[in-house]
Amino acid sequence: ISHGNIGNVLARMGNFEGALEAHQKALAIYLKVHGPEHPDTATCHSGIGGVLASMGNFEGAQEAHQKALAIYLKVHGPEHPHTALATATLATCLRGWATLRAPWK
């Protein structure tokens, strides 16, 4: 949890590269300790997605948020609050990406 917390603080400070590195460290730990289908692993994917979106990398953010959503769906099912939040976060990411790709009028 501490690497994820550090990542959150760094992101709020605008240090997105440092935040990404911290979230990636957290993900490596959770993958080793809990495996790829644990809710904490999903939270790490979501953190990475948030940082990537803040960096303007919506394609990478979409991939990370989709991984988180897939884990929550498998572990909690479609009606769980974590699944709902992951769905909303992915939708926000896609909206941001679509806004950047849309022609200006």
PDB file of N, CA and C in Angstrom:
ATOM      1  N   ILE A   1       0.829  -1.192   0.000  1.00  0.00           N
ATOM      2  CA  ILE A   1       0.000   0.000   0.000  1.00  0.00           C
ATOM      3  C   ILE A   1       0.870   1.252   0.000  1.00  0.00           C
ATOM      4  N   SER A   2       2.021   1.227   0.650  1.00  0.00           N
ATOM      5  CA  SER A   2       2.804   2.457   0.766  1.00  0.00           C
ATOM      6  C   SER A   2       3.305   2.959  -0.580  1.00  0.00           C
ATOM      7  N   HIS A   3       3.699   2.076  -1.501  1.00  0.00           N
ATOM      8  CA  HIS A   3       4.131   2.550  -2.820  1.00  0.00           C
ATOM      9  C   HIS A   3       2.971   3.210  -3.554  1.00  0.00           C
ATOM     10  N   GLY A   4       1.786   2.635  -3.433  1.00  0.00           N
ATOM     11  CA  GLY A   4       0.610   3.244  -4.042  1.00  0.00           C
ATOM     12  C   GLY A   4       0.300   4.596  -3.433  1.00  0.00           C
ATOM     13  N   ASN A   5       0.421   4.700  -2.122  1.00  0.00           N
ATOM     14  CA  ASN A   5       0.194   5.986  -1.453  1.00  0.00           C
ATOM     15  C   ASN A   5       1.218   7.026  -1.901  1.00  0.00           C
ATOM     16  N   ILE A   6       2.462   6.603  -2.006  1.00  0.00           N
ATOM     17  CA  ILE A   6       3.506   7.520  -2.494  1.00  0.00           C
ATOM     18  C   ILE A   6       3.176   7.965  -3.911  1.00  0.00           C
ATOM     19  N   GLY A   7       2.723   7.019  -4.734  1.00  0.00           N
ATOM     20  CA  GLY A   7       2.333   7.356  -6.097  1.00  0.00           C
ATOM     21  C   GLY A   7       1.213   8.376  -6.134  1.00  0.00           C
ATOM     22  N   ASN A   8       0.239   8.218  -5.249  1.00  0.00           N
ATOM     23  CA  ASN A   8      -0.873   9.173  -5.194  1.00  0.00           C
ATOM     24  C   ASN A   8      -0.385  10.564  -4.808  1.00  0.00           C
ATOM     25  N   VAL A   9       0.509  10.631  -3.840  1.00  0.00           N
ATOM     26  CA  VAL A   9       1.032  11.934  -3.408  1.00  0.00           C
ATOM     27  C   VAL A   9       1.853  12.577  -4.520  1.00  0.00           C
ATOM     28  N   LEU A  10       2.710  11.791  -5.153  1.00  0.00           N
ATOM     29  CA  LEU A  10       3.531  12.329  -6.245  1.00  0.00           C
ATOM     30  C   LEU A  10       2.662  12.835  -7.390  1.00  0.00           C
ATOM     31  N   ALA A  11       1.596  12.096  -7.702  1.00  0.00           N
ATOM     32  CA  ALA A  11       0.697  12.535  -8.770  1.00  0.00           C
ATOM     33  C   ALA A  11       0.044  13.864  -8.409  1.00  0.00           C
ATOM     34  N   ARG A  12      -0.387  14.015  -7.163  1.00  0.00           N
ATOM     35  CA  ARG A  12      -1.008  15.275  -6.731  1.00  0.00           C
ATOM     36  C   ARG A  12      -0.017  16.435  -6.783  1.00  0.00           C
ATOM     37  N   MET A  13       1.274  16.108  -6.644  1.00  0.00           N
ATOM     38  CA  MET A  13       2.316  17.129  -6.721  1.00  0.00           C
ATOM     39  C   MET A  13       2.717  17.422  -8.165  1.00  0.00           C
ATOM     40  N   GLY A  14       2.171  16.646  -9.113  1.00  0.00           N
ATOM     41  CA  GLY A  14       2.509  16.849 -10.516  1.00  0.00           C
ATOM     42  C   GLY A  14       3.699  16.051 -10.990  1.00  0.00           C
ATOM     43  N   ASN A  15       4.250  15.211 -10.134  1.00  0.00           N
ATOM     44  CA  ASN A  15       5.388  14.373 -10.506  1.00  0.00           C
ATOM     45  C   ASN A  15       4.853  13.043 -11.043  1.00  0.00           C
ATOM     46  N   PHE A  16       4.383  13.068 -12.286  1.00  0.00           N
ATOM     47  CA  PHE A  16       3.712  11.908 -12.846  1.00  0.00           C
ATOM     48  C   PHE A  16       4.668  10.753 -13.134  1.00  0.00           C
ATOM     49  N   GLU A  17       5.885  11.071 -13.516  1.00  0.00           N
ATOM     50  CA  GLU A  17       6.852   9.996 -13.759  1.00  0.00           C
ATOM     51  C   GLU A  17       7.191   9.264 -12.466  1.00  0.00           C
ATOM     52  N   GLY A  18       7.397  10.012 -11.395  1.00  0.00           N
ATOM     53  CA  GLY A  18       7.646   9.390 -10.097  1.00  0.00           C
ATOM     54  C   GLY A  18       6.437   8.613  -9.604  1.00  0.00           C
ATOM     55  N   ALA A  19       5.254   9.161  -9.854  1.00  0.00           N
ATOM     56  CA  ALA A  19       4.020   8.481  -9.454  1.00  0.00           C
ATOM     57  C   ALA A  19       3.856   7.169 -10.203  1.00  0.00           C
ATOM     58  N   LEU A  20       4.128   7.190 -11.493  1.00  0.00           N
ATOM     59  CA  LEU A  20       4.026   5.967 -12.290  1.00  0.00           C
ATOM     60  C   LEU A  20       4.987   4.907 -11.786  1.00  0.00           C
ATOM     61  N   GLU A  21       6.202   5.317 -11.497  1.00  0.00           N
ATOM     62  CA  GLU A  21       7.195   4.373 -10.971  1.00  0.00           C
ATOM     63  C   GLU A  21       6.738   3.772  -9.642  1.00  0.00           C
ATOM     64  N   ALA A  22       6.192   4.584  -8.764  1.00  0.00           N
ATOM     65  CA  ALA A  22       5.726   4.083  -7.468  1.00  0.00           C
ATOM     66  C   ALA A  22       4.570   3.100  -7.641  1.00  0.00           C
ATOM     67  N   HIS A  23       3.624   3.426  -8.513  1.00  0.00           N
ATOM     68  CA  HIS A  23       2.496   2.522  -8.749  1.00  0.00           C
ATOM     69  C   HIS A  23       2.963   1.223  -9.401  1.00  0.00           C
ATOM     70  N   GLN A  24       3.947   1.313 -10.272  1.00  0.00           N
ATOM     71  CA  GLN A  24       4.476   0.095 -10.901  1.00  0.00           C
ATOM     72  C   GLN A  24       5.186  -0.789  -9.877  1.00  0.00           C
ATOM     73  N   LYS A  25       5.877  -0.184  -8.924  1.00  0.00           N
ATOM     74  CA  LYS A  25       6.492  -0.962  -7.846  1.00  0.00           C
ATOM     75  C   LYS A  25       5.423  -1.657  -7.014  1.00  0.00           C
ATOM     76  N   ALA A  26       4.353  -0.934  -6.706  1.00  0.00           N
ATOM     77  CA  ALA A  26       3.256  -1.538  -5.943  1.00  0.00           C
ATOM     78  C   ALA A  26       2.656  -2.704  -6.716  1.00  0.00           C
ATOM     79  N   LEU A  27       2.456  -2.531  -8.015  1.00  0.00           N
ATOM     80  CA  LEU A  27       1.894  -3.599  -8.831  1.00  0.00           C
ATOM     81  C   LEU A  27       2.792  -4.830  -8.818  1.00  0.00           C
ATOM     82  N   ALA A  28       4.094  -4.642  -8.958  1.00  0.00           N
ATOM     83  CA  ALA A  28       5.025  -5.778  -8.941  1.00  0.00           C
ATOM     84  C   ALA A  28       4.925  -6.545  -7.625  1.00  0.00           C
ATOM     85  N   ILE A  29       4.815  -5.831  -6.534  1.00  0.00           N
ATOM     86  CA  ILE A  29       4.692  -6.477  -5.221  1.00  0.00           C
ATOM     87  C   ILE A  29       3.387  -7.253  -5.131  1.00  0.00           C
ATOM     88  N   TYR A  30       2.282  -6.629  -5.515  1.00  0.00           N
ATOM     89  CA  TYR A  30       0.984  -7.305  -5.412  1.00  0.00           C
ATOM     90  C   TYR A  30       0.886  -8.499  -6.345  1.00  0.00           C
ATOM     91  N   LEU A  31       1.472  -8.396  -7.523  1.00  0.00           N
ATOM     92  CA  LEU A  31       1.470  -9.555  -8.420  1.00  0.00           C
ATOM     93  C   LEU A  31       2.223 -10.722  -7.788  1.00  0.00           C
ATOM     94  N   LYS A  32       3.339 -10.422  -7.136  1.00  0.00           N
ATOM     95  CA  LYS A  32       4.136 -11.462  -6.501  1.00  0.00           C
ATOM     96  C   LYS A  32       3.426 -12.054  -5.282  1.00  0.00           C
ATOM     97  N   VAL A  33       2.824 -11.192  -4.468  1.00  0.00           N
ATOM     98  CA  VAL A  33       2.223 -11.632  -3.212  1.00  0.00           C
ATOM     99  C   VAL A  33       0.822 -12.218  -3.419  1.00  0.00           C
ATOM    100  N   HIS A  34      -0.008 -11.536  -4.207  1.00  0.00           N
ATOM    101  CA  HIS A  34      -1.416 -11.919  -4.329  1.00  0.00           C
ATOM    102  C   HIS A  34      -1.776 -12.562  -5.659  1.00  0.00           C
ATOM    103  N   GLY A  35      -0.985 -12.322  -6.690  1.00  0.00           N
ATOM    104  CA  GLY A  35      -1.307 -12.832  -8.012  1.00  0.00           C
ATOM    105  C   GLY A  35      -2.084 -11.824  -8.836  1.00  0.00           C
ATOM    106  N   PRO A  36      -2.384 -12.200 -10.090  1.00  0.00           N
ATOM    107  CA  PRO A  36      -2.976 -11.243 -11.030  1.00  0.00           C
ATOM    108  C   PRO A  36      -4.469 -10.998 -10.868  1.00  0.00           C
ATOM    109  N   GLU A  37      -5.155 -11.756 -10.033  1.00  0.00           N
ATOM    110  CA  GLU A  37      -6.612 -11.611  -9.951  1.00  0.00           C
ATOM    111  C   GLU A  37      -7.094 -11.205  -8.561  1.00  0.00           C
ATOM    112  N   HIS A  38      -6.298 -10.463  -7.855  1.00  0.00           N
ATOM    113  CA  HIS A  38      -6.647 -10.006  -6.508  1.00  0.00           C
ATOM    114  C   HIS A  38      -7.131  -8.554  -6.584  1.00  0.00           C
ATOM    115  N   PRO A  39      -8.105  -8.178  -5.756  1.00  0.00           N
ATOM    116  CA  PRO A  39      -8.584  -6.789  -5.775  1.00  0.00           C
ATOM    117  C   PRO A  39      -7.493  -5.742  -5.548  1.00  0.00           C
ATOM    118  N   ASP A  40      -6.507  -6.040  -4.718  1.00  0.00           N
ATOM    119  CA  ASP A  40      -5.417  -5.075  -4.507  1.00  0.00           C
ATOM    120  C   ASP A  40      -4.593  -4.901  -5.786  1.00  0.00           C
ATOM    121  N   THR A  41      -4.445  -5.970  -6.558  1.00  0.00           N
ATOM    122  CA  THR A  41      -3.763  -5.879  -7.846  1.00  0.00           C
ATOM    123  C   THR A  41      -4.569  -4.979  -8.784  1.00  0.00           C
ATOM    124  N   ALA A  42      -5.886  -5.125  -8.755  1.00  0.00           N
ATOM    125  CA  ALA A  42      -6.745  -4.264  -9.569  1.00  0.00           C
ATOM    126  C   ALA A  42      -6.567  -2.798  -9.183  1.00  0.00           C
ATOM    127  N   THR A  43      -6.467  -2.534  -7.887  1.00  0.00           N
ATOM    128  CA  THR A  43      -6.278  -1.163  -7.420  1.00  0.00           C
ATOM    129  C   THR A  43      -4.972  -0.586  -7.966  1.00  0.00           C
ATOM    130  N   CYS A  44      -3.939  -1.396  -8.030  1.00  0.00           N
ATOM    131  CA  CYS A  44      -2.664  -0.936  -8.595  1.00  0.00           C
ATOM    132  C   CYS A  44      -2.806  -0.608 -10.078  1.00  0.00           C
ATOM    133  N   HIS A  45      -3.512  -1.464 -10.814  1.00  0.00           N
ATOM    134  CA  HIS A  45      -3.752  -1.182 -12.237  1.00  0.00           C
ATOM    135  C   HIS A  45      -4.504   0.138 -12.391  1.00  0.00           C
ATOM    136  N   SER A  46      -5.478   0.360 -11.533  1.00  0.00           N
ATOM    137  CA  SER A  46      -6.244   1.599 -11.593  1.00  0.00           C
ATOM    138  C   SER A  46      -5.370   2.817 -11.301  1.00  0.00           C
ATOM    139  N   GLY A  47      -4.482   2.688 -10.322  1.00  0.00           N
ATOM    140  CA  GLY A  47      -3.558   3.786 -10.025  1.00  0.00           C
ATOM    141  C   GLY A  47      -2.662   4.112 -11.201  1.00  0.00           C
ATOM    142  N   ILE A  48      -2.160   3.077 -11.855  1.00  0.00           N
ATOM    143  CA  ILE A  48      -1.330   3.274 -13.045  1.00  0.00           C
ATOM    144  C   ILE A  48      -2.154   3.960 -14.136  1.00  0.00           C
ATOM    145  N   GLY A  49      -3.389   3.506 -14.310  1.00  0.00           N
ATOM    146  CA  GLY A  49      -4.252   4.121 -15.316  1.00  0.00           C
ATOM    147  C   GLY A  49      -4.498   5.589 -15.049  1.00  0.00           C
ATOM    148  N   GLY A  50      -4.698   5.934 -13.799  1.00  0.00           N
ATOM    149  CA  GLY A  50      -4.916   7.337 -13.456  1.00  0.00           C
ATOM    150  C   GLY A  50      -3.716   8.206 -13.777  1.00  0.00           C
ATOM    151  N   VAL A  51      -2.537   7.707 -13.473  1.00  0.00           N
ATOM    152  CA  VAL A  51      -1.320   8.469 -13.760  1.00  0.00           C
ATOM    153  C   VAL A  51      -1.118   8.600 -15.268  1.00  0.00           C
ATOM    154  N   LEU A  52      -1.315   7.497 -15.983  1.00  0.00           N
ATOM    155  CA  LEU A  52      -1.143   7.555 -17.436  1.00  0.00           C
ATOM    156  C   LEU A  52      -2.124   8.534 -18.070  1.00  0.00           C
ATOM    157  N   ALA A  53      -3.350   8.550 -17.583  1.00  0.00           N
ATOM    158  CA  ALA A  53      -4.332   9.514 -18.099  1.00  0.00           C
ATOM    159  C   ALA A  53      -3.869  10.944 -17.811  1.00  0.00           C
ATOM    160  N   SER A  54      -3.344  11.179 -16.630  1.00  0.00           N
ATOM    161  CA  SER A  54      -2.853  12.511 -16.289  1.00  0.00           C
ATOM    162  C   SER A  54      -1.687  12.926 -17.174  1.00  0.00           C
ATOM    163  N   MET A  55      -0.945  11.942 -17.669  1.00  0.00           N
ATOM    164  CA  MET A  55       0.178  12.205 -18.561  1.00  0.00           C
ATOM    165  C   MET A  55      -0.271  12.329 -20.019  1.00  0.00           C
ATOM    166  N   GLY A  56      -1.566  12.117 -20.269  1.00  0.00           N
ATOM    167  CA  GLY A  56      -2.082  12.198 -21.628  1.00  0.00           C
ATOM    168  C   GLY A  56      -1.977  10.905 -22.409  1.00  0.00           C
ATOM    169  N   ASN A  57      -1.552   9.833 -21.753  1.00  0.00           N
ATOM    170  CA  ASN A  57      -1.436   8.528 -22.402  1.00  0.00           C
ATOM    171  C   ASN A  57      -2.744   7.764 -22.179  1.00  0.00           C
ATOM    172  N   PHE A  58      -3.771   8.142 -22.932  1.00  0.00           N
ATOM    173  CA  PHE A  58      -5.085   7.551 -22.721  1.00  0.00           C
ATOM    174  C   PHE A  58      -5.160   6.107 -23.203  1.00  0.00           C
ATOM    175  N   GLU A  59      -4.361   5.758 -24.182  1.00  0.00           N
ATOM    176  CA  GLU A  59      -4.345   4.364 -24.637  1.00  0.00           C
ATOM    177  C   GLU A  59      -3.803   3.456 -23.541  1.00  0.00           C
ATOM    178  N   GLY A  60      -2.698   3.853 -22.921  1.00  0.00           N
ATOM    179  CA  GLY A  60      -2.151   3.086 -21.801  1.00  0.00           C
ATOM    180  C   GLY A  60      -3.071   3.098 -20.605  1.00  0.00           C
ATOM    181  N   ALA A  61      -3.707   4.238 -20.361  1.00  0.00           N
ATOM    182  CA  ALA A  61      -4.652   4.350 -19.249  1.00  0.00           C
ATOM    183  C   ALA A  61      -5.840   3.429 -19.465  1.00  0.00           C
ATOM    184  N   GLN A  62      -6.340   3.397 -20.690  1.00  0.00           N
ATOM    185  CA  GLN A  62      -7.469   2.519 -21.001  1.00  0.00           C
ATOM    186  C   GLN A  62      -7.113   1.067 -20.726  1.00  0.00           C
ATOM    187  N   GLU A  63      -5.940   0.651 -21.151  1.00  0.00           N
ATOM    188  CA  GLU A  63      -5.499  -0.725 -20.926  1.00  0.00           C
ATOM    189  C   GLU A  63      -5.430  -1.051 -19.431  1.00  0.00           C
ATOM    190  N   ALA A  64      -4.857  -0.138 -18.659  1.00  0.00           N
ATOM    191  CA  ALA A  64      -4.729  -0.369 -17.223  1.00  0.00           C
ATOM    192  C   ALA A  64      -6.101  -0.419 -16.545  1.00  0.00           C
ATOM    193  N   HIS A  65      -6.982   0.497 -16.909  1.00  0.00           N
ATOM    194  CA  HIS A  65      -8.323   0.510 -16.308  1.00  0.00           C
ATOM    195  C   HIS A  65      -9.138  -0.720 -16.723  1.00  0.00           C
ATOM    196  N   GLN A  66      -8.935  -1.192 -17.937  1.00  0.00           N
ATOM    197  CA  GLN A  66      -9.629  -2.406 -18.369  1.00  0.00           C
ATOM    198  C   GLN A  66      -9.155  -3.621 -17.571  1.00  0.00           C
ATOM    199  N   LYS A  67      -7.870  -3.667 -17.263  1.00  0.00           N
ATOM    200  CA  LYS A  67      -7.352  -4.764 -16.430  1.00  0.00           C
ATOM    201  C   LYS A  67      -7.995  -4.722 -15.048  1.00  0.00           C
ATOM    202  N   ALA A  68      -8.069  -3.526 -14.482  1.00  0.00           N
ATOM    203  CA  ALA A  68      -8.689  -3.390 -13.153  1.00  0.00           C
ATOM    204  C   ALA A  68     -10.147  -3.830 -13.197  1.00  0.00           C
ATOM    205  N   LEU A  69     -10.870  -3.369 -14.204  1.00  0.00           N
ATOM    206  CA  LEU A  69     -12.282  -3.715 -14.312  1.00  0.00           C
ATOM    207  C   LEU A  69     -12.471  -5.219 -14.475  1.00  0.00           C
ATOM    208  N   ALA A  70     -11.647  -5.856 -15.285  1.00  0.00           N
ATOM    209  CA  ALA A  70     -11.762  -7.305 -15.489  1.00  0.00           C
ATOM    210  C   ALA A  70     -11.566  -8.069 -14.182  1.00  0.00           C
ATOM    211  N   ILE A  71     -10.620  -7.616 -13.372  1.00  0.00           N
ATOM    212  CA  ILE A  71     -10.378  -8.275 -12.079  1.00  0.00           C
ATOM    213  C   ILE A  71     -11.577  -8.087 -11.163  1.00  0.00           C
ATOM    214  N   TYR A  72     -12.076  -6.861 -11.066  1.00  0.00           N
ATOM    215  CA  TYR A  72     -13.224  -6.611 -10.196  1.00  0.00           C
ATOM    216  C   TYR A  72     -14.451  -7.396 -10.650  1.00  0.00           C
ATOM    217  N   LEU A  73     -14.669  -7.478 -11.948  1.00  0.00           N
ATOM    218  CA  LEU A  73     -15.802  -8.259 -12.443  1.00  0.00           C
ATOM    219  C   LEU A  73     -15.671  -9.720 -12.045  1.00  0.00           C
ATOM    220  N   LYS A  74     -14.469 -10.257 -12.183  1.00  0.00           N
ATOM    221  CA  LYS A  74     -14.253 -11.672 -11.867  1.00  0.00           C
ATOM    222  C   LYS A  74     -14.376 -11.936 -10.367  1.00  0.00           C
ATOM    223  N   VAL A  75     -13.803 -11.051  -9.558  1.00  0.00           N
ATOM    224  CA  VAL A  75     -13.754 -11.268  -8.113  1.00  0.00           C
ATOM    225  C   VAL A  75     -15.065 -10.873  -7.433  1.00  0.00           C
ATOM    226  N   HIS A  76     -15.625  -9.724  -7.815  1.00  0.00           N
ATOM    227  CA  HIS A  76     -16.784  -9.172  -7.112  1.00  0.00           C
ATOM    228  C   HIS A  76     -18.104  -9.283  -7.872  1.00  0.00           C
ATOM    229  N   GLY A  77     -18.040  -9.419  -9.189  1.00  0.00           N
ATOM    230  CA  GLY A  77     -19.254  -9.430  -9.993  1.00  0.00           C
ATOM    231  C   GLY A  77     -19.659  -8.029 -10.414  1.00  0.00           C
ATOM    232  N   PRO A  78     -20.690  -7.928 -11.256  1.00  0.00           N
ATOM    233  CA  PRO A  78     -21.060  -6.636 -11.843  1.00  0.00           C
ATOM    234  C   PRO A  78     -21.782  -5.673 -10.902  1.00  0.00           C
ATOM    235  N   GLU A  79     -22.279  -6.137  -9.783  1.00  0.00           N
ATOM    236  CA  GLU A  79     -23.080  -5.283  -8.906  1.00  0.00           C
ATOM    237  C   GLU A  79     -22.284  -4.647  -7.758  1.00  0.00           C
ATOM    238  N   HIS A  80     -21.018  -4.967  -7.635  1.00  0.00           N
ATOM    239  CA  HIS A  80     -20.214  -4.496  -6.509  1.00  0.00           C
ATOM    240  C   HIS A  80     -19.794  -3.033  -6.713  1.00  0.00           C
ATOM    241  N   PRO A  81     -19.704  -2.255  -5.644  1.00  0.00           N
ATOM    242  CA  PRO A  81     -19.281  -0.852  -5.765  1.00  0.00           C
ATOM    243  C   PRO A  81     -17.906  -0.671  -6.408  1.00  0.00           C
ATOM    244  N   HIS A  82     -16.967  -1.558  -6.131  1.00  0.00           N
ATOM    245  CA  HIS A  82     -15.649  -1.430  -6.764  1.00  0.00           C
ATOM    246  C   HIS A  82     -15.741  -1.623  -8.274  1.00  0.00           C
ATOM    247  N   THR A  83     -16.601  -2.540  -8.705  1.00  0.00           N
ATOM    248  CA  THR A  83     -16.807  -2.754 -10.131  1.00  0.00           C
ATOM    249  C   THR A  83     -17.454  -1.526 -10.757  1.00  0.00           C
ATOM    250  N   ALA A  84     -18.416  -0.960 -10.071  1.00  0.00           N
ATOM    251  CA  ALA A  84     -19.079   0.246 -10.579  1.00  0.00           C
ATOM    252  C   ALA A  84     -18.087   1.402 -10.698  1.00  0.00           C
ATOM    253  N   LEU A  85     -17.245   1.577  -9.705  1.00  0.00           N
ATOM    254  CA  LEU A  85     -16.248   2.649  -9.749  1.00  0.00           C
ATOM    255  C   LEU A  85     -15.248   2.420 -10.885  1.00  0.00           C
ATOM    256  N   ALA A  86     -14.811   1.180 -11.054  1.00  0.00           N
ATOM    257  CA  ALA A  86     -13.869   0.868 -12.136  1.00  0.00           C
ATOM    258  C   ALA A  86     -14.507   1.127 -13.501  1.00  0.00           C
ATOM    259  N   THR A  87     -15.789   0.830 -13.624  1.00  0.00           N
ATOM    260  CA  THR A  87     -16.498   1.096 -14.876  1.00  0.00           C
ATOM    261  C   THR A  87     -16.567   2.592 -15.141  1.00  0.00           C
ATOM    262  N   ALA A  88     -16.890   3.359 -14.130  1.00  0.00           N
ATOM    263  CA  ALA A  88     -16.973   4.816 -14.277  1.00  0.00           C
ATOM    264  C   ALA A  88     -15.607   5.420 -14.584  1.00  0.00           C
ATOM    265  N   THR A  89     -14.578   4.899 -13.963  1.00  0.00           N
ATOM    266  CA  THR A  89     -13.220   5.406 -14.202  1.00  0.00           C
ATOM    267  C   THR A  89     -12.797   5.126 -15.640  1.00  0.00           C
ATOM    268  N   LEU A  90     -13.091   3.924 -16.132  1.00  0.00           N
ATOM    269  CA  LEU A  90     -12.782   3.595 -17.520  1.00  0.00           C
ATOM    270  C   LEU A  90     -13.556   4.511 -18.468  1.00  0.00           C
ATOM    271  N   ALA A  91     -14.814   4.756 -18.176  1.00  0.00           N
ATOM    272  CA  ALA A  91     -15.615   5.641 -19.021  1.00  0.00           C
ATOM    273  C   ALA A  91     -15.038   7.056 -19.056  1.00  0.00           C
ATOM    274  N   THR A  92     -14.594   7.547 -17.924  1.00  0.00           N
ATOM    275  CA  THR A  92     -13.979   8.873 -17.860  1.00  0.00           C
ATOM    276  C   THR A  92     -12.709   8.913 -18.696  1.00  0.00           C
ATOM    277  N   CYS A  93     -11.924   7.860 -18.605  1.00  0.00           N
ATOM    278  CA  CYS A  93     -10.693   7.772 -19.393  1.00  0.00           C
ATOM    279  C   CYS A  93     -11.014   7.786 -20.888  1.00  0.00           C
ATOM    280  N   LEU A  94     -12.002   7.002 -21.288  1.00  0.00           N
ATOM    281  CA  LEU A  94     -12.381   6.948 -22.700  1.00  0.00           C
ATOM    282  C   LEU A  94     -12.915   8.292 -23.183  1.00  0.00           C
ATOM    283  N   ARG A  95     -13.646   8.979 -22.314  1.00  0.00           N
ATOM    284  CA  ARG A  95     -14.154  10.299 -22.675  1.00  0.00           C
ATOM    285  C   ARG A  95     -12.994  11.276 -22.890  1.00  0.00           C
ATOM    286  N   GLY A  96     -11.987  11.203 -22.025  1.00  0.00           N
ATOM    287  CA  GLY A  96     -10.815  12.066 -22.184  1.00  0.00           C
ATOM    288  C   GLY A  96     -10.074  11.780 -23.470  1.00  0.00           C
ATOM    289  N   TRP A  97      -9.946  10.509 -23.801  1.00  0.00           N
ATOM    290  CA  TRP A  97      -9.252  10.115 -25.027  1.00  0.00           C
ATOM    291  C   TRP A  97     -10.049  10.574 -26.243  1.00  0.00           C
ATOM    292  N   ALA A  98     -11.355  10.401 -26.214  1.00  0.00           N
ATOM    293  CA  ALA A  98     -12.201  10.806 -27.329  1.00  0.00           C
ATOM    294  C   ALA A  98     -12.149  12.318 -27.525  1.00  0.00           C
ATOM    295  N   THR A  99     -12.071  13.056 -26.443  1.00  0.00           N
ATOM    296  CA  THR A  99     -11.995  14.516 -26.523  1.00  0.00           C
ATOM    297  C   THR A  99     -10.711  14.940 -27.224  1.00  0.00           C
ATOM    298  N   LEU A 100      -9.601  14.269 -26.917  1.00  0.00           N
ATOM    299  CA  LEU A 100      -8.336  14.607 -27.559  1.00  0.00           C
ATOM    300  C   LEU A 100      -8.319  14.240 -29.038  1.00  0.00           C
ATOM    301  N   ARG A 101      -9.007  13.170 -29.380  1.00  0.00           N
ATOM    302  CA  ARG A 101      -9.001  12.696 -30.756  1.00  0.00           C
ATOM    303  C   ARG A 101     -10.032  13.402 -31.623  1.00  0.00           C
ATOM    304  N   ALA A 102     -11.009  14.060 -31.007  1.00  0.00           N
ATOM    305  CA  ALA A 102     -12.074  14.717 -31.775  1.00  0.00           C
ATOM    306  C   ALA A 102     -11.538  15.978 -32.451  1.00  0.00           C
ATOM    307  N   PRO A 103     -12.010  16.231 -33.650  1.00  0.00           N
ATOM    308  CA  PRO A 103     -11.570  17.482 -34.307  1.00  0.00           C
ATOM    309  C   PRO A 103     -12.159  18.678 -33.578  1.00  0.00           C
ATOM    310  N   TRP A 104     -11.388  19.736 -33.500  1.00  0.00           N
ATOM    311  CA  TRP A 104     -11.865  20.958 -32.845  1.00  0.00           C
ATOM    312  C   TRP A 104     -12.827  21.668 -33.756  1.00  0.00           C
ATOM    313  N   LYS A 105     -13.881  22.185 -33.189  1.00  0.00           N
ATOM    314  CA  LYS A 105     -14.890  22.896 -33.989  1.00  0.00           C
ATOM    315  C   LYS A 105     -14.992  24.318 -33.548  1.00  0.00           C
TER     316      LYS A 105
END
